[in-house]
Amino acid sequence: MKIKCPKCKEDAELAPDFSYVECKKCGLDMSYGEYVRYVAHSEAQYSDILGDYTGATEGETAGTLDEWED
């Protein structure tokens, strides 16, 4: 499936099993979870999706990228 590359903004490929995201234009290669975190931290309009991955409820923050990497 085609999705937007967070680095170069061109088309990237999302694996059918959601295991990785790859962009042949800029060389991006990461897991889908890493992609979600990268997009959420680099684009403010998506920052609320971090709660979906941390189990945070409405009104709570999902933490910083540093906290995610522990």
N, C-alpha and C. Protein backbone atom coordinates (compact mmCIF):
# COMPACT_ATOMS: atom_id res chain seq x y z
N MET A 1 0.85 -1.16 0.00
CA MET A 1 0.00 0.00 0.00
C MET A 1 0.91 1.24 0.00
N LYS A 2 0.51 2.25 -0.71
CA LYS A 2 1.27 3.50 -0.77
C LYS A 2 0.87 4.42 0.38
N ILE A 3 1.87 4.96 1.06
CA ILE A 3 1.65 5.97 2.09
C ILE A 3 2.67 7.08 1.87
N LYS A 4 2.52 8.18 2.58
CA LYS A 4 3.43 9.33 2.42
C LYS A 4 4.69 9.13 3.26
N CYS A 5 5.83 9.30 2.62
CA CYS A 5 7.10 9.21 3.33
C CYS A 5 7.24 10.45 4.22
N PRO A 6 7.53 10.26 5.50
CA PRO A 6 7.66 11.41 6.40
C PRO A 6 8.93 12.24 6.16
N LYS A 7 9.91 11.66 5.47
CA LYS A 7 11.15 12.39 5.21
C LYS A 7 11.09 13.21 3.93
N CYS A 8 10.79 12.55 2.81
CA CYS A 8 10.85 13.24 1.52
C CYS A 8 9.47 13.60 0.97
N LYS A 9 8.41 13.15 1.62
CA LYS A 9 7.02 13.42 1.25
C LYS A 9 6.60 12.76 -0.06
N GLU A 10 7.39 11.85 -0.58
CA GLU A 10 7.03 11.08 -1.78
C GLU A 10 6.30 9.81 -1.35
N ASP A 11 5.93 8.98 -2.32
CA ASP A 11 5.26 7.72 -2.00
C ASP A 11 6.23 6.74 -1.36
N ALA A 12 5.77 6.13 -0.28
CA ALA A 12 6.51 5.06 0.38
C ALA A 12 5.61 3.83 0.34
N GLU A 13 6.19 2.68 0.57
CA GLU A 13 5.45 1.43 0.52
C GLU A 13 5.27 0.88 1.93
N LEU A 14 4.02 0.60 2.29
CA LEU A 14 3.69 -0.05 3.55
C LEU A 14 3.45 -1.53 3.25
N ALA A 15 4.17 -2.40 3.94
CA ALA A 15 4.03 -3.84 3.71
C ALA A 15 2.59 -4.28 3.96
N PRO A 16 2.09 -5.25 3.22
CA PRO A 16 0.72 -5.74 3.39
C PRO A 16 0.41 -6.20 4.83
N ASP A 17 1.44 -6.68 5.54
CA ASP A 17 1.23 -7.12 6.92
C ASP A 17 1.57 -6.05 7.95
N PHE A 18 1.76 -4.80 7.48
CA PHE A 18 2.07 -3.65 8.34
C PHE A 18 3.36 -3.84 9.13
N SER A 19 4.31 -4.60 8.60
CA SER A 19 5.54 -4.86 9.33
C SER A 19 6.61 -3.80 9.09
N TYR A 20 6.57 -3.13 7.95
CA TYR A 20 7.59 -2.11 7.68
C TYR A 20 7.09 -1.07 6.69
N VAL A 21 7.80 0.05 6.67
CA VAL A 21 7.58 1.12 5.70
C VAL A 21 8.91 1.35 5.00
N GLU A 22 8.86 1.43 3.67
CA GLU A 22 10.08 1.62 2.89
C GLU A 22 9.85 2.67 1.80
N CYS A 23 10.80 3.59 1.67
CA CYS A 23 10.77 4.59 0.61
C CYS A 23 12.01 4.41 -0.24
N LYS A 24 11.82 4.06 -1.48
CA LYS A 24 12.95 3.84 -2.37
C LYS A 24 13.61 5.15 -2.79
N LYS A 25 12.86 6.26 -2.74
CA LYS A 25 13.40 7.55 -3.16
C LYS A 25 14.48 8.06 -2.19
N CYS A 26 14.19 8.02 -0.88
CA CYS A 26 15.15 8.58 0.09
C CYS A 26 15.84 7.52 0.94
N GLY A 27 15.42 6.25 0.80
CA GLY A 27 16.07 5.18 1.56
C GLY A 27 15.47 4.92 2.93
N LEU A 28 14.35 5.52 3.26
CA LEU A 28 13.69 5.27 4.54
C LEU A 28 13.34 3.79 4.64
N ASP A 29 13.63 3.19 5.78
CA ASP A 29 13.31 1.79 6.03
C ASP A 29 13.12 1.63 7.53
N MET A 30 11.88 1.47 7.97
CA MET A 30 11.59 1.36 9.40
C MET A 30 10.34 0.52 9.61
N SER A 31 10.16 0.08 10.84
CA SER A 31 8.95 -0.66 11.17
C SER A 31 7.76 0.29 11.16
N TYR A 32 6.57 -0.27 11.07
CA TYR A 32 5.38 0.58 11.05
C TYR A 32 5.23 1.33 12.38
N GLY A 33 5.56 0.69 13.49
CA GLY A 33 5.50 1.36 14.79
C GLY A 33 6.45 2.56 14.85
N GLU A 34 7.65 2.38 14.31
CA GLU A 34 8.60 3.50 14.25
C GLU A 34 8.07 4.62 13.36
N TYR A 35 7.43 4.23 12.25
CA TYR A 35 6.84 5.21 11.33
C TYR A 35 5.77 6.04 12.04
N VAL A 36 4.88 5.37 12.78
CA VAL A 36 3.82 6.06 13.51
C VAL A 36 4.41 7.06 14.50
N ARG A 37 5.41 6.62 15.26
CA ARG A 37 6.04 7.52 16.24
C ARG A 37 6.72 8.69 15.54
N TYR A 38 7.41 8.42 14.44
CA TYR A 38 8.12 9.46 13.70
C TYR A 38 7.13 10.51 13.19
N VAL A 39 6.04 10.06 12.58
CA VAL A 39 5.04 10.99 12.05
C VAL A 39 4.38 11.77 13.19
N ALA A 40 4.05 11.08 14.27
CA ALA A 40 3.38 11.74 15.40
C ALA A 40 4.25 12.82 16.02
N HIS A 41 5.55 12.60 16.07
CA HIS A 41 6.44 13.58 16.67
C HIS A 41 6.85 14.69 15.71
N SER A 42 6.80 14.42 14.42
CA SER A 42 7.24 15.44 13.46
C SER A 42 6.09 16.28 12.93
N GLU A 43 4.85 15.80 13.06
CA GLU A 43 3.70 16.54 12.57
C GLU A 43 2.69 16.67 13.70
N ALA A 44 2.55 17.89 14.23
CA ALA A 44 1.74 18.14 15.42
C ALA A 44 0.29 17.66 15.26
N GLN A 45 -0.26 17.74 14.06
CA GLN A 45 -1.66 17.34 13.88
C GLN A 45 -1.89 15.87 14.15
N TYR A 46 -0.82 15.05 14.17
CA TYR A 46 -0.96 13.62 14.41
C TYR A 46 -0.50 13.20 15.80
N SER A 47 -0.13 14.13 16.65
CA SER A 47 0.45 13.77 17.95
C SER A 47 -0.50 12.97 18.83
N ASP A 48 -1.80 13.13 18.65
CA ASP A 48 -2.76 12.40 19.48
C ASP A 48 -2.79 10.90 19.20
N ILE A 49 -2.23 10.44 18.07
CA ILE A 49 -2.25 9.01 17.78
C ILE A 49 -1.30 8.22 18.67
N LEU A 50 -0.37 8.89 19.32
CA LEU A 50 0.54 8.17 20.22
C LEU A 50 -0.23 7.48 21.33
N GLY A 51 -1.34 8.05 21.76
CA GLY A 51 -2.16 7.44 22.79
C GLY A 51 -2.66 6.07 22.41
N ASP A 52 -2.90 5.86 21.10
CA ASP A 52 -3.36 4.56 20.63
C ASP A 52 -2.31 3.48 20.85
N TYR A 53 -1.05 3.86 20.86
CA TYR A 53 0.03 2.89 21.01
C TYR A 53 0.50 2.75 22.45
N THR A 54 0.14 3.70 23.31
CA THR A 54 0.59 3.62 24.70
C THR A 54 -0.53 3.27 25.66
N GLY A 55 -1.76 3.26 25.16
CA GLY A 55 -2.89 2.97 26.02
C GLY A 55 -3.36 4.18 26.80
N ALA A 56 -2.87 5.36 26.46
CA ALA A 56 -3.28 6.58 27.14
C ALA A 56 -4.75 6.83 26.85
N THR A 57 -5.43 7.43 27.81
CA THR A 57 -6.83 7.78 27.59
C THR A 57 -6.93 9.26 27.31
N GLU A 58 -8.12 9.66 26.89
CA GLU A 58 -8.33 11.07 26.54
C GLU A 58 -7.93 11.97 27.69
N GLY A 59 -7.24 13.05 27.37
CA GLY A 59 -6.80 14.01 28.37
C GLY A 59 -5.44 13.70 28.95
N GLU A 60 -4.89 12.55 28.61
CA GLU A 60 -3.55 12.18 29.08
C GLU A 60 -2.57 12.28 27.93
N THR A 61 -1.33 12.59 28.26
CA THR A 61 -0.32 12.66 27.22
C THR A 61 0.33 11.30 27.03
N ALA A 62 0.88 11.09 25.86
CA ALA A 62 1.51 9.80 25.55
C ALA A 62 3.00 9.82 25.83
N GLY A 63 3.52 10.90 26.32
CA GLY A 63 4.95 10.97 26.63
C GLY A 63 5.78 11.48 25.48
N THR A 64 7.07 11.49 25.70
CA THR A 64 7.99 11.98 24.67
C THR A 64 8.61 10.82 23.94
N LEU A 65 9.26 11.11 22.84
CA LEU A 65 9.94 10.07 22.07
C LEU A 65 10.99 9.39 22.91
N ASP A 66 11.69 10.15 23.78
CA ASP A 66 12.70 9.56 24.66
C ASP A 66 12.09 8.52 25.59
N GLU A 67 10.88 8.79 26.10
CA GLU A 67 10.21 7.83 26.98
C GLU A 67 9.81 6.58 26.21
N TRP A 68 9.49 6.72 24.94
CA TRP A 68 9.08 5.57 24.12
C TRP A 68 10.25 4.64 23.86
N GLU A 69 11.45 5.17 23.82
CA GLU A 69 12.61 4.39 23.43
C GLU A 69 13.24 3.64 24.62
N ASP A 70 12.70 3.80 25.81
CA ASP A 70 13.25 3.11 26.99
C ASP A 70 12.96 1.64 26.94
